[in-house]
């Protein structure tokens, strides 16, 4: 659902210091 409307959200959040990762 997120990928339908946000362009690489977790990568952007990681870039500003969030501890977030995509897993299977």
PDBML (XML) file of the C-alpha atoms, coordinates in Angstrom:
<?xml version="1.0" encoding="UTF-8" ?>
<PDBx:datablock datablockName="MODEL"
   xmlns:PDBx="http://pdbml.pdb.org/schema/pdbx-v50.xsd"
   xmlns:xsi="http://www.w3.org/2001/XMLSchema-instance"
   xsi:schemaLocation="http://pdbml.pdb.org/schema/pdbx-v50.xsd pdbx-v50.xsd">
   <PDBx:atom_siteCategory>
      <PDBx:atom_site id="1">
         <PDBx:B_iso_or_equiv>0.00</PDBx:B_iso_or_equiv>
         <PDBx:Cartn_x>0.000</PDBx:Cartn_x>
         <PDBx:Cartn_y>0.000</PDBx:Cartn_y>
         <PDBx:Cartn_z>0.000</PDBx:Cartn_z>
         <PDBx:auth_asym_id>A</PDBx:auth_asym_id>
         <PDBx:auth_atom_id>CA</PDBx:auth_atom_id>
         <PDBx:auth_comp_id>UNK</PDBx:auth_comp_id>
         <PDBx:auth_seq_id>1</PDBx:auth_seq_id>
         <PDBx:group_PDB>ATOM</PDBx:group_PDB>
         <PDBx:label_alt_id xsi:nil="true" />
         <PDBx:label_asym_id>A</PDBx:label_asym_id>
         <PDBx:label_atom_id>CA</PDBx:label_atom_id>
         <PDBx:label_comp_id>UNK</PDBx:label_comp_id>
         <PDBx:label_entity_id>1</PDBx:label_entity_id>
         <PDBx:label_seq_id>1</PDBx:label_seq_id>
         <PDBx:occupancy>1.00</PDBx:occupancy>
         <PDBx:pdbx_PDB_model_num>1</PDBx:pdbx_PDB_model_num>
         <PDBx:type_symbol>C</PDBx:type_symbol>
      </PDBx:atom_site>
      <PDBx:atom_site id="2">
         <PDBx:B_iso_or_equiv>0.00</PDBx:B_iso_or_equiv>
         <PDBx:Cartn_x>2.836</PDBx:Cartn_x>
         <PDBx:Cartn_y>2.369</PDBx:Cartn_y>
         <PDBx:Cartn_z>0.953</PDBx:Cartn_z>
         <PDBx:auth_asym_id>A</PDBx:auth_asym_id>
         <PDBx:auth_atom_id>CA</PDBx:auth_atom_id>
         <PDBx:auth_comp_id>UNK</PDBx:auth_comp_id>
         <PDBx:auth_seq_id>2</PDBx:auth_seq_id>
         <PDBx:group_PDB>ATOM</PDBx:group_PDB>
         <PDBx:label_alt_id xsi:nil="true" />
         <PDBx:label_asym_id>A</PDBx:label_asym_id>
         <PDBx:label_atom_id>CA</PDBx:label_atom_id>
         <PDBx:label_comp_id>UNK</PDBx:label_comp_id>
         <PDBx:label_entity_id>1</PDBx:label_entity_id>
         <PDBx:label_seq_id>2</PDBx:label_seq_id>
         <PDBx:occupancy>1.00</PDBx:occupancy>
         <PDBx:pdbx_PDB_model_num>1</PDBx:pdbx_PDB_model_num>
         <PDBx:type_symbol>C</PDBx:type_symbol>
      </PDBx:atom_site>
      <PDBx:atom_site id="3">
         <PDBx:B_iso_or_equiv>0.00</PDBx:B_iso_or_equiv>
         <PDBx:Cartn_x>4.703</PDBx:Cartn_x>
         <PDBx:Cartn_y>1.679</PDBx:Cartn_y>
         <PDBx:Cartn_z>-2.292</PDBx:Cartn_z>
         <PDBx:auth_asym_id>A</PDBx:auth_asym_id>
         <PDBx:auth_atom_id>CA</PDBx:auth_atom_id>
         <PDBx:auth_comp_id>UNK</PDBx:auth_comp_id>
         <PDBx:auth_seq_id>3</PDBx:auth_seq_id>
         <PDBx:group_PDB>ATOM</PDBx:group_PDB>
         <PDBx:label_alt_id xsi:nil="true" />
         <PDBx:label_asym_id>A</PDBx:label_asym_id>
         <PDBx:label_atom_id>CA</PDBx:label_atom_id>
         <PDBx:label_comp_id>UNK</PDBx:label_comp_id>
         <PDBx:label_entity_id>1</PDBx:label_entity_id>
         <PDBx:label_seq_id>3</PDBx:label_seq_id>
         <PDBx:occupancy>1.00</PDBx:occupancy>
         <PDBx:pdbx_PDB_model_num>1</PDBx:pdbx_PDB_model_num>
         <PDBx:type_symbol>C</PDBx:type_symbol>
      </PDBx:atom_site>
      <PDBx:atom_site id="4">
         <PDBx:B_iso_or_equiv>0.00</PDBx:B_iso_or_equiv>
         <PDBx:Cartn_x>1.669</PDBx:Cartn_x>
         <PDBx:Cartn_y>2.820</PDBx:Cartn_y>
         <PDBx:Cartn_z>-4.294</PDBx:Cartn_z>
         <PDBx:auth_asym_id>A</PDBx:auth_asym_id>
         <PDBx:auth_atom_id>CA</PDBx:auth_atom_id>
         <PDBx:auth_comp_id>UNK</PDBx:auth_comp_id>
         <PDBx:auth_seq_id>4</PDBx:auth_seq_id>
         <PDBx:group_PDB>ATOM</PDBx:group_PDB>
         <PDBx:label_alt_id xsi:nil="true" />
         <PDBx:label_asym_id>A</PDBx:label_asym_id>
         <PDBx:label_atom_id>CA</PDBx:label_atom_id>
         <PDBx:label_comp_id>UNK</PDBx:label_comp_id>
         <PDBx:label_entity_id>1</PDBx:label_entity_id>
         <PDBx:label_seq_id>4</PDBx:label_seq_id>
         <PDBx:occupancy>1.00</PDBx:occupancy>
         <PDBx:pdbx_PDB_model_num>1</PDBx:pdbx_PDB_model_num>
         <PDBx:type_symbol>C</PDBx:type_symbol>
      </PDBx:atom_site>
      <PDBx:atom_site id="5">
         <PDBx:B_iso_or_equiv>0.00</PDBx:B_iso_or_equiv>
         <PDBx:Cartn_x>2.095</PDBx:Cartn_x>
         <PDBx:Cartn_y>6.390</PDBx:Cartn_y>
         <PDBx:Cartn_z>-3.086</PDBx:Cartn_z>
         <PDBx:auth_asym_id>A</PDBx:auth_asym_id>
         <PDBx:auth_atom_id>CA</PDBx:auth_atom_id>
         <PDBx:auth_comp_id>UNK</PDBx:auth_comp_id>
         <PDBx:auth_seq_id>5</PDBx:auth_seq_id>
         <PDBx:group_PDB>ATOM</PDBx:group_PDB>
         <PDBx:label_alt_id xsi:nil="true" />
         <PDBx:label_asym_id>A</PDBx:label_asym_id>
         <PDBx:label_atom_id>CA</PDBx:label_atom_id>
         <PDBx:label_comp_id>UNK</PDBx:label_comp_id>
         <PDBx:label_entity_id>1</PDBx:label_entity_id>
         <PDBx:label_seq_id>5</PDBx:label_seq_id>
         <PDBx:occupancy>1.00</PDBx:occupancy>
         <PDBx:pdbx_PDB_model_num>1</PDBx:pdbx_PDB_model_num>
         <PDBx:type_symbol>C</PDBx:type_symbol>
      </PDBx:atom_site>
      <PDBx:atom_site id="6">
         <PDBx:B_iso_or_equiv>0.00</PDBx:B_iso_or_equiv>
         <PDBx:Cartn_x>5.552</PDBx:Cartn_x>
         <PDBx:Cartn_y>6.931</PDBx:Cartn_y>
         <PDBx:Cartn_z>-1.585</PDBx:Cartn_z>
         <PDBx:auth_asym_id>A</PDBx:auth_asym_id>
         <PDBx:auth_atom_id>CA</PDBx:auth_atom_id>
         <PDBx:auth_comp_id>UNK</PDBx:auth_comp_id>
         <PDBx:auth_seq_id>6</PDBx:auth_seq_id>
         <PDBx:group_PDB>ATOM</PDBx:group_PDB>
         <PDBx:label_alt_id xsi:nil="true" />
         <PDBx:label_asym_id>A</PDBx:label_asym_id>
         <PDBx:label_atom_id>CA</PDBx:label_atom_id>
         <PDBx:label_comp_id>UNK</PDBx:label_comp_id>
         <PDBx:label_entity_id>1</PDBx:label_entity_id>
         <PDBx:label_seq_id>6</PDBx:label_seq_id>
         <PDBx:occupancy>1.00</PDBx:occupancy>
         <PDBx:pdbx_PDB_model_num>1</PDBx:pdbx_PDB_model_num>
         <PDBx:type_symbol>C</PDBx:type_symbol>
      </PDBx:atom_site>
      <PDBx:atom_site id="7">
         <PDBx:B_iso_or_equiv>0.00</PDBx:B_iso_or_equiv>
         <PDBx:Cartn_x>8.781</PDBx:Cartn_x>
         <PDBx:Cartn_y>6.896</PDBx:Cartn_y>
         <PDBx:Cartn_z>-3.559</PDBx:Cartn_z>
         <PDBx:auth_asym_id>A</PDBx:auth_asym_id>
         <PDBx:auth_atom_id>CA</PDBx:auth_atom_id>
         <PDBx:auth_comp_id>UNK</PDBx:auth_comp_id>
         <PDBx:auth_seq_id>7</PDBx:auth_seq_id>
         <PDBx:group_PDB>ATOM</PDBx:group_PDB>
         <PDBx:label_alt_id xsi:nil="true" />
         <PDBx:label_asym_id>A</PDBx:label_asym_id>
         <PDBx:label_atom_id>CA</PDBx:label_atom_id>
         <PDBx:label_comp_id>UNK</PDBx:label_comp_id>
         <PDBx:label_entity_id>1</PDBx:label_entity_id>
         <PDBx:label_seq_id>7</PDBx:label_seq_id>
         <PDBx:occupancy>1.00</PDBx:occupancy>
         <PDBx:pdbx_PDB_model_num>1</PDBx:pdbx_PDB_model_num>
         <PDBx:type_symbol>C</PDBx:type_symbol>
      </PDBx:atom_site>
      <PDBx:atom_site id="8">
         <PDBx:B_iso_or_equiv>0.00</PDBx:B_iso_or_equiv>
         <PDBx:Cartn_x>11.262</PDBx:Cartn_x>
         <PDBx:Cartn_y>4.851</PDBx:Cartn_y>
         <PDBx:Cartn_z>-1.447</PDBx:Cartn_z>
         <PDBx:auth_asym_id>A</PDBx:auth_asym_id>
         <PDBx:auth_atom_id>CA</PDBx:auth_atom_id>
         <PDBx:auth_comp_id>UNK</PDBx:auth_comp_id>
         <PDBx:auth_seq_id>8</PDBx:auth_seq_id>
         <PDBx:group_PDB>ATOM</PDBx:group_PDB>
         <PDBx:label_alt_id xsi:nil="true" />
         <PDBx:label_asym_id>A</PDBx:label_asym_id>
         <PDBx:label_atom_id>CA</PDBx:label_atom_id>
         <PDBx:label_comp_id>UNK</PDBx:label_comp_id>
         <PDBx:label_entity_id>1</PDBx:label_entity_id>
         <PDBx:label_seq_id>8</PDBx:label_seq_id>
         <PDBx:occupancy>1.00</PDBx:occupancy>
         <PDBx:pdbx_PDB_model_num>1</PDBx:pdbx_PDB_model_num>
         <PDBx:type_symbol>C</PDBx:type_symbol>
      </PDBx:atom_site>
      <PDBx:atom_site id="9">
         <PDBx:B_iso_or_equiv>0.00</PDBx:B_iso_or_equiv>
         <PDBx:Cartn_x>9.965</PDBx:Cartn_x>
         <PDBx:Cartn_y>6.062</PDBx:Cartn_y>
         <PDBx:Cartn_z>1.890</PDBx:Cartn_z>
         <PDBx:auth_asym_id>A</PDBx:auth_asym_id>
         <PDBx:auth_atom_id>CA</PDBx:auth_atom_id>
         <PDBx:auth_comp_id>UNK</PDBx:auth_comp_id>
         <PDBx:auth_seq_id>9</PDBx:auth_seq_id>
         <PDBx:group_PDB>ATOM</PDBx:group_PDB>
         <PDBx:label_alt_id xsi:nil="true" />
         <PDBx:label_asym_id>A</PDBx:label_asym_id>
         <PDBx:label_atom_id>CA</PDBx:label_atom_id>
         <PDBx:label_comp_id>UNK</PDBx:label_comp_id>
         <PDBx:label_entity_id>1</PDBx:label_entity_id>
         <PDBx:label_seq_id>9</PDBx:label_seq_id>
         <PDBx:occupancy>1.00</PDBx:occupancy>
         <PDBx:pdbx_PDB_model_num>1</PDBx:pdbx_PDB_model_num>
         <PDBx:type_symbol>C</PDBx:type_symbol>
      </PDBx:atom_site>
      <PDBx:atom_site id="10">
         <PDBx:B_iso_or_equiv>0.00</PDBx:B_iso_or_equiv>
         <PDBx:Cartn_x>12.110</PDBx:Cartn_x>
         <PDBx:Cartn_y>3.828</PDBx:Cartn_y>
         <PDBx:Cartn_z>4.081</PDBx:Cartn_z>
         <PDBx:auth_asym_id>A</PDBx:auth_asym_id>
         <PDBx:auth_atom_id>CA</PDBx:auth_atom_id>
         <PDBx:auth_comp_id>UNK</PDBx:auth_comp_id>
         <PDBx:auth_seq_id>10</PDBx:auth_seq_id>
         <PDBx:group_PDB>ATOM</PDBx:group_PDB>
         <PDBx:label_alt_id xsi:nil="true" />
         <PDBx:label_asym_id>A</PDBx:label_asym_id>
         <PDBx:label_atom_id>CA</PDBx:label_atom_id>
         <PDBx:label_comp_id>UNK</PDBx:label_comp_id>
         <PDBx:label_entity_id>1</PDBx:label_entity_id>
         <PDBx:label_seq_id>10</PDBx:label_seq_id>
         <PDBx:occupancy>1.00</PDBx:occupancy>
         <PDBx:pdbx_PDB_model_num>1</PDBx:pdbx_PDB_model_num>
         <PDBx:type_symbol>C</PDBx:type_symbol>
      </PDBx:atom_site>
      <PDBx:atom_site id="11">
         <PDBx:B_iso_or_equiv>0.00</PDBx:B_iso_or_equiv>
         <PDBx:Cartn_x>15.316</PDBx:Cartn_x>
         <PDBx:Cartn_y>4.812</PDBx:Cartn_y>
         <PDBx:Cartn_z>2.224</PDBx:Cartn_z>
         <PDBx:auth_asym_id>A</PDBx:auth_asym_id>
         <PDBx:auth_atom_id>CA</PDBx:auth_atom_id>
         <PDBx:auth_comp_id>UNK</PDBx:auth_comp_id>
         <PDBx:auth_seq_id>11</PDBx:auth_seq_id>
         <PDBx:group_PDB>ATOM</PDBx:group_PDB>
         <PDBx:label_alt_id xsi:nil="true" />
         <PDBx:label_asym_id>A</PDBx:label_asym_id>
         <PDBx:label_atom_id>CA</PDBx:label_atom_id>
         <PDBx:label_comp_id>UNK</PDBx:label_comp_id>
         <PDBx:label_entity_id>1</PDBx:label_entity_id>
         <PDBx:label_seq_id>11</PDBx:label_seq_id>
         <PDBx:occupancy>1.00</PDBx:occupancy>
         <PDBx:pdbx_PDB_model_num>1</PDBx:pdbx_PDB_model_num>
         <PDBx:type_symbol>C</PDBx:type_symbol>
      </PDBx:atom_site>
      <PDBx:atom_site id="12">
         <PDBx:B_iso_or_equiv>0.00</PDBx:B_iso_or_equiv>
         <PDBx:Cartn_x>14.461</PDBx:Cartn_x>
         <PDBx:Cartn_y>8.511</PDBx:Cartn_y>
         <PDBx:Cartn_z>2.708</PDBx:Cartn_z>
         <PDBx:auth_asym_id>A</PDBx:auth_asym_id>
         <PDBx:auth_atom_id>CA</PDBx:auth_atom_id>
         <PDBx:auth_comp_id>UNK</PDBx:auth_comp_id>
         <PDBx:auth_seq_id>12</PDBx:auth_seq_id>
         <PDBx:group_PDB>ATOM</PDBx:group_PDB>
         <PDBx:label_alt_id xsi:nil="true" />
         <PDBx:label_asym_id>A</PDBx:label_asym_id>
         <PDBx:label_atom_id>CA</PDBx:label_atom_id>
         <PDBx:label_comp_id>UNK</PDBx:label_comp_id>
         <PDBx:label_entity_id>1</PDBx:label_entity_id>
         <PDBx:label_seq_id>12</PDBx:label_seq_id>
         <PDBx:occupancy>1.00</PDBx:occupancy>
         <PDBx:pdbx_PDB_model_num>1</PDBx:pdbx_PDB_model_num>
         <PDBx:type_symbol>C</PDBx:type_symbol>
      </PDBx:atom_site>
      <PDBx:atom_site id="13">
         <PDBx:B_iso_or_equiv>0.00</PDBx:B_iso_or_equiv>
         <PDBx:Cartn_x>13.727</PDBx:Cartn_x>
         <PDBx:Cartn_y>7.963</PDBx:Cartn_y>
         <PDBx:Cartn_z>6.416</PDBx:Cartn_z>
         <PDBx:auth_asym_id>A</PDBx:auth_asym_id>
         <PDBx:auth_atom_id>CA</PDBx:auth_atom_id>
         <PDBx:auth_comp_id>UNK</PDBx:auth_comp_id>
         <PDBx:auth_seq_id>13</PDBx:auth_seq_id>
         <PDBx:group_PDB>ATOM</PDBx:group_PDB>
         <PDBx:label_alt_id xsi:nil="true" />
         <PDBx:label_asym_id>A</PDBx:label_asym_id>
         <PDBx:label_atom_id>CA</PDBx:label_atom_id>
         <PDBx:label_comp_id>UNK</PDBx:label_comp_id>
         <PDBx:label_entity_id>1</PDBx:label_entity_id>
         <PDBx:label_seq_id>13</PDBx:label_seq_id>
         <PDBx:occupancy>1.00</PDBx:occupancy>
         <PDBx:pdbx_PDB_model_num>1</PDBx:pdbx_PDB_model_num>
         <PDBx:type_symbol>C</PDBx:type_symbol>
      </PDBx:atom_site>
      <PDBx:atom_site id="14">
         <PDBx:B_iso_or_equiv>0.00</PDBx:B_iso_or_equiv>
         <PDBx:Cartn_x>16.980</PDBx:Cartn_x>
         <PDBx:Cartn_y>6.040</PDBx:Cartn_y>
         <PDBx:Cartn_z>6.857</PDBx:Cartn_z>
         <PDBx:auth_asym_id>A</PDBx:auth_asym_id>
         <PDBx:auth_atom_id>CA</PDBx:auth_atom_id>
         <PDBx:auth_comp_id>UNK</PDBx:auth_comp_id>
         <PDBx:auth_seq_id>14</PDBx:auth_seq_id>
         <PDBx:group_PDB>ATOM</PDBx:group_PDB>
         <PDBx:label_alt_id xsi:nil="true" />
         <PDBx:label_asym_id>A</PDBx:label_asym_id>
         <PDBx:label_atom_id>CA</PDBx:label_atom_id>
         <PDBx:label_comp_id>UNK</PDBx:label_comp_id>
         <PDBx:label_entity_id>1</PDBx:label_entity_id>
         <PDBx:label_seq_id>14</PDBx:label_seq_id>
         <PDBx:occupancy>1.00</PDBx:occupancy>
         <PDBx:pdbx_PDB_model_num>1</PDBx:pdbx_PDB_model_num>
         <PDBx:type_symbol>C</PDBx:type_symbol>
      </PDBx:atom_site>
      <PDBx:atom_site id="15">
         <PDBx:B_iso_or_equiv>0.00</PDBx:B_iso_or_equiv>
         <PDBx:Cartn_x>18.793</PDBx:Cartn_x>
         <PDBx:Cartn_y>8.970</PDBx:Cartn_y>
         <PDBx:Cartn_z>5.264</PDBx:Cartn_z>
         <PDBx:auth_asym_id>A</PDBx:auth_asym_id>
         <PDBx:auth_atom_id>CA</PDBx:auth_atom_id>
         <PDBx:auth_comp_id>UNK</PDBx:auth_comp_id>
         <PDBx:auth_seq_id>15</PDBx:auth_seq_id>
         <PDBx:group_PDB>ATOM</PDBx:group_PDB>
         <PDBx:label_alt_id xsi:nil="true" />
         <PDBx:label_asym_id>A</PDBx:label_asym_id>
         <PDBx:label_atom_id>CA</PDBx:label_atom_id>
         <PDBx:label_comp_id>UNK</PDBx:label_comp_id>
         <PDBx:label_entity_id>1</PDBx:label_entity_id>
         <PDBx:label_seq_id>15</PDBx:label_seq_id>
         <PDBx:occupancy>1.00</PDBx:occupancy>
         <PDBx:pdbx_PDB_model_num>1</PDBx:pdbx_PDB_model_num>
         <PDBx:type_symbol>C</PDBx:type_symbol>
      </PDBx:atom_site>
      <PDBx:atom_site id="16">
         <PDBx:B_iso_or_equiv>0.00</PDBx:B_iso_or_equiv>
         <PDBx:Cartn_x>17.575</PDBx:Cartn_x>
         <PDBx:Cartn_y>11.256</PDBx:Cartn_y>
         <PDBx:Cartn_z>8.077</PDBx:Cartn_z>
         <PDBx:auth_asym_id>A</PDBx:auth_asym_id>
         <PDBx:auth_atom_id>CA</PDBx:auth_atom_id>
         <PDBx:auth_comp_id>UNK</PDBx:auth_comp_id>
         <PDBx:auth_seq_id>16</PDBx:auth_seq_id>
         <PDBx:group_PDB>ATOM</PDBx:group_PDB>
         <PDBx:label_alt_id xsi:nil="true" />
         <PDBx:label_asym_id>A</PDBx:label_asym_id>
         <PDBx:label_atom_id>CA</PDBx:label_atom_id>
         <PDBx:label_comp_id>UNK</PDBx:label_comp_id>
         <PDBx:label_entity_id>1</PDBx:label_entity_id>
         <PDBx:label_seq_id>16</PDBx:label_seq_id>
         <PDBx:occupancy>1.00</PDBx:occupancy>
         <PDBx:pdbx_PDB_model_num>1</PDBx:pdbx_PDB_model_num>
         <PDBx:type_symbol>C</PDBx:type_symbol>
      </PDBx:atom_site>
      <PDBx:atom_site id="17">
         <PDBx:B_iso_or_equiv>0.00</PDBx:B_iso_or_equiv>
         <PDBx:Cartn_x>18.418</PDBx:Cartn_x>
         <PDBx:Cartn_y>8.866</PDBx:Cartn_y>
         <PDBx:Cartn_z>10.915</PDBx:Cartn_z>
         <PDBx:auth_asym_id>A</PDBx:auth_asym_id>
         <PDBx:auth_atom_id>CA</PDBx:auth_atom_id>
         <PDBx:auth_comp_id>UNK</PDBx:auth_comp_id>
         <PDBx:auth_seq_id>17</PDBx:auth_seq_id>
         <PDBx:group_PDB>ATOM</PDBx:group_PDB>
         <PDBx:label_alt_id xsi:nil="true" />
         <PDBx:label_asym_id>A</PDBx:label_asym_id>
         <PDBx:label_atom_id>CA</PDBx:label_atom_id>
         <PDBx:label_comp_id>UNK</PDBx:label_comp_id>
         <PDBx:label_entity_id>1</PDBx:label_entity_id>
         <PDBx:label_seq_id>17</PDBx:label_seq_id>
         <PDBx:occupancy>1.00</PDBx:occupancy>
         <PDBx:pdbx_PDB_model_num>1</PDBx:pdbx_PDB_model_num>
         <PDBx:type_symbol>C</PDBx:type_symbol>
      </PDBx:atom_site>
      <PDBx:atom_site id="18">
         <PDBx:B_iso_or_equiv>0.00</PDBx:B_iso_or_equiv>
         <PDBx:Cartn_x>15.481</PDBx:Cartn_x>
         <PDBx:Cartn_y>6.470</PDBx:Cartn_y>
         <PDBx:Cartn_z>11.293</PDBx:Cartn_z>
         <PDBx:auth_asym_id>A</PDBx:auth_asym_id>
         <PDBx:auth_atom_id>CA</PDBx:auth_atom_id>
         <PDBx:auth_comp_id>UNK</PDBx:auth_comp_id>
         <PDBx:auth_seq_id>18</PDBx:auth_seq_id>
         <PDBx:group_PDB>ATOM</PDBx:group_PDB>
         <PDBx:label_alt_id xsi:nil="true" />
         <PDBx:label_asym_id>A</PDBx:label_asym_id>
         <PDBx:label_atom_id>CA</PDBx:label_atom_id>
         <PDBx:label_comp_id>UNK</PDBx:label_comp_id>
         <PDBx:label_entity_id>1</PDBx:label_entity_id>
         <PDBx:label_seq_id>18</PDBx:label_seq_id>
         <PDBx:occupancy>1.00</PDBx:occupancy>
         <PDBx:pdbx_PDB_model_num>1</PDBx:pdbx_PDB_model_num>
         <PDBx:type_symbol>C</PDBx:type_symbol>
      </PDBx:atom_site>
      <PDBx:atom_site id="19">
         <PDBx:B_iso_or_equiv>0.00</PDBx:B_iso_or_equiv>
         <PDBx:Cartn_x>16.176</PDBx:Cartn_x>
         <PDBx:Cartn_y>2.827</PDBx:Cartn_y>
         <PDBx:Cartn_z>12.191</PDBx:Cartn_z>
         <PDBx:auth_asym_id>A</PDBx:auth_asym_id>
         <PDBx:auth_atom_id>CA</PDBx:auth_atom_id>
         <PDBx:auth_comp_id>UNK</PDBx:auth_comp_id>
         <PDBx:auth_seq_id>19</PDBx:auth_seq_id>
         <PDBx:group_PDB>ATOM</PDBx:group_PDB>
         <PDBx:label_alt_id xsi:nil="true" />
         <PDBx:label_asym_id>A</PDBx:label_asym_id>
         <PDBx:label_atom_id>CA</PDBx:label_atom_id>
         <PDBx:label_comp_id>UNK</PDBx:label_comp_id>
         <PDBx:label_entity_id>1</PDBx:label_entity_id>
         <PDBx:label_seq_id>19</PDBx:label_seq_id>
         <PDBx:occupancy>1.00</PDBx:occupancy>
         <PDBx:pdbx_PDB_model_num>1</PDBx:pdbx_PDB_model_num>
         <PDBx:type_symbol>C</PDBx:type_symbol>
      </PDBx:atom_site>
      <PDBx:atom_site id="20">
         <PDBx:B_iso_or_equiv>0.00</PDBx:B_iso_or_equiv>
         <PDBx:Cartn_x>13.978</PDBx:Cartn_x>
         <PDBx:Cartn_y>1.258</PDBx:Cartn_y>
         <PDBx:Cartn_z>9.521</PDBx:Cartn_z>
         <PDBx:auth_asym_id>A</PDBx:auth_asym_id>
         <PDBx:auth_atom_id>CA</PDBx:auth_atom_id>
         <PDBx:auth_comp_id>UNK</PDBx:auth_comp_id>
         <PDBx:auth_seq_id>20</PDBx:auth_seq_id>
         <PDBx:group_PDB>ATOM</PDBx:group_PDB>
         <PDBx:label_alt_id xsi:nil="true" />
         <PDBx:label_asym_id>A</PDBx:label_asym_id>
         <PDBx:label_atom_id>CA</PDBx:label_atom_id>
         <PDBx:label_comp_id>UNK</PDBx:label_comp_id>
         <PDBx:label_entity_id>1</PDBx:label_entity_id>
         <PDBx:label_seq_id>20</PDBx:label_seq_id>
         <PDBx:occupancy>1.00</PDBx:occupancy>
         <PDBx:pdbx_PDB_model_num>1</PDBx:pdbx_PDB_model_num>
         <PDBx:type_symbol>C</PDBx:type_symbol>
      </PDBx:atom_site>
      <PDBx:atom_site id="21">
         <PDBx:B_iso_or_equiv>0.00</PDBx:B_iso_or_equiv>
         <PDBx:Cartn_x>14.450</PDBx:Cartn_x>
         <PDBx:Cartn_y>-1.616</PDBx:Cartn_y>
         <PDBx:Cartn_z>7.083</PDBx:Cartn_z>
         <PDBx:auth_asym_id>A</PDBx:auth_asym_id>
         <PDBx:auth_atom_id>CA</PDBx:auth_atom_id>
         <PDBx:auth_comp_id>UNK</PDBx:auth_comp_id>
         <PDBx:auth_seq_id>21</PDBx:auth_seq_id>
         <PDBx:group_PDB>ATOM</PDBx:group_PDB>
         <PDBx:label_alt_id xsi:nil="true" />
         <PDBx:label_asym_id>A</PDBx:label_asym_id>
         <PDBx:label_atom_id>CA</PDBx:label_atom_id>
         <PDBx:label_comp_id>UNK</PDBx:label_comp_id>
         <PDBx:label_entity_id>1</PDBx:label_entity_id>
         <PDBx:label_seq_id>21</PDBx:label_seq_id>
         <PDBx:occupancy>1.00</PDBx:occupancy>
         <PDBx:pdbx_PDB_model_num>1</PDBx:pdbx_PDB_model_num>
         <PDBx:type_symbol>C</PDBx:type_symbol>
      </PDBx:atom_site>
      <PDBx:atom_site id="22">
         <PDBx:B_iso_or_equiv>0.00</PDBx:B_iso_or_equiv>
         <PDBx:Cartn_x>12.459</PDBx:Cartn_x>
         <PDBx:Cartn_y>-3.525</PDBx:Cartn_y>
         <PDBx:Cartn_z>4.528</PDBx:Cartn_z>
         <PDBx:auth_asym_id>A</PDBx:auth_asym_id>
         <PDBx:auth_atom_id>CA</PDBx:auth_atom_id>
         <PDBx:auth_comp_id>UNK</PDBx:auth_comp_id>
         <PDBx:auth_seq_id>22</PDBx:auth_seq_id>
         <PDBx:group_PDB>ATOM</PDBx:group_PDB>
         <PDBx:label_alt_id xsi:nil="true" />
         <PDBx:label_asym_id>A</PDBx:label_asym_id>
         <PDBx:label_atom_id>CA</PDBx:label_atom_id>
         <PDBx:label_comp_id>UNK</PDBx:label_comp_id>
         <PDBx:label_entity_id>1</PDBx:label_entity_id>
         <PDBx:label_seq_id>22</PDBx:label_seq_id>
         <PDBx:occupancy>1.00</PDBx:occupancy>
         <PDBx:pdbx_PDB_model_num>1</PDBx:pdbx_PDB_model_num>
         <PDBx:type_symbol>C</PDBx:type_symbol>
      </PDBx:atom_site>
      <PDBx:atom_site id="23">
         <PDBx:B_iso_or_equiv>0.00</PDBx:B_iso_or_equiv>
         <PDBx:Cartn_x>12.262</PDBx:Cartn_x>
         <PDBx:Cartn_y>-7.256</PDBx:Cartn_y>
         <PDBx:Cartn_z>5.158</PDBx:Cartn_z>
         <PDBx:auth_asym_id>A</PDBx:auth_asym_id>
         <PDBx:auth_atom_id>CA</PDBx:auth_atom_id>
         <PDBx:auth_comp_id>UNK</PDBx:auth_comp_id>
         <PDBx:auth_seq_id>23</PDBx:auth_seq_id>
         <PDBx:group_PDB>ATOM</PDBx:group_PDB>
         <PDBx:label_alt_id xsi:nil="true" />
         <PDBx:label_asym_id>A</PDBx:label_asym_id>
         <PDBx:label_atom_id>CA</PDBx:label_atom_id>
         <PDBx:label_comp_id>UNK</PDBx:label_comp_id>
         <PDBx:label_entity_id>1</PDBx:label_entity_id>
         <PDBx:label_seq_id>23</PDBx:label_seq_id>
         <PDBx:occupancy>1.00</PDBx:occupancy>
         <PDBx:pdbx_PDB_model_num>1</PDBx:pdbx_PDB_model_num>
         <PDBx:type_symbol>C</PDBx:type_symbol>
      </PDBx:atom_site>
      <PDBx:atom_site id="24">
         <PDBx:B_iso_or_equiv>0.00</PDBx:B_iso_or_equiv>
         <PDBx:Cartn_x>10.516</PDBx:Cartn_x>
         <PDBx:Cartn_y>-10.167</PDBx:Cartn_y>
         <PDBx:Cartn_z>3.470</PDBx:Cartn_z>
         <PDBx:auth_asym_id>A</PDBx:auth_asym_id>
         <PDBx:auth_atom_id>CA</PDBx:auth_atom_id>
         <PDBx:auth_comp_id>UNK</PDBx:auth_comp_id>
         <PDBx:auth_seq_id>24</PDBx:auth_seq_id>
         <PDBx:group_PDB>ATOM</PDBx:group_PDB>
         <PDBx:label_alt_id xsi:nil="true" />
         <PDBx:label_asym_id>A</PDBx:label_asym_id>
         <PDBx:label_atom_id>CA</PDBx:label_atom_id>
         <PDBx:label_comp_id>UNK</PDBx:label_comp_id>
         <PDBx:label_entity_id>1</PDBx:label_entity_id>
         <PDBx:label_seq_id>24</PDBx:label_seq_id>
         <PDBx:occupancy>1.00</PDBx:occupancy>
         <PDBx:pdbx_PDB_model_num>1</PDBx:pdbx_PDB_model_num>
         <PDBx:type_symbol>C</PDBx:type_symbol>
      </PDBx:atom_site>
   </PDBx:atom_siteCategory>
</PDBx:datablock>
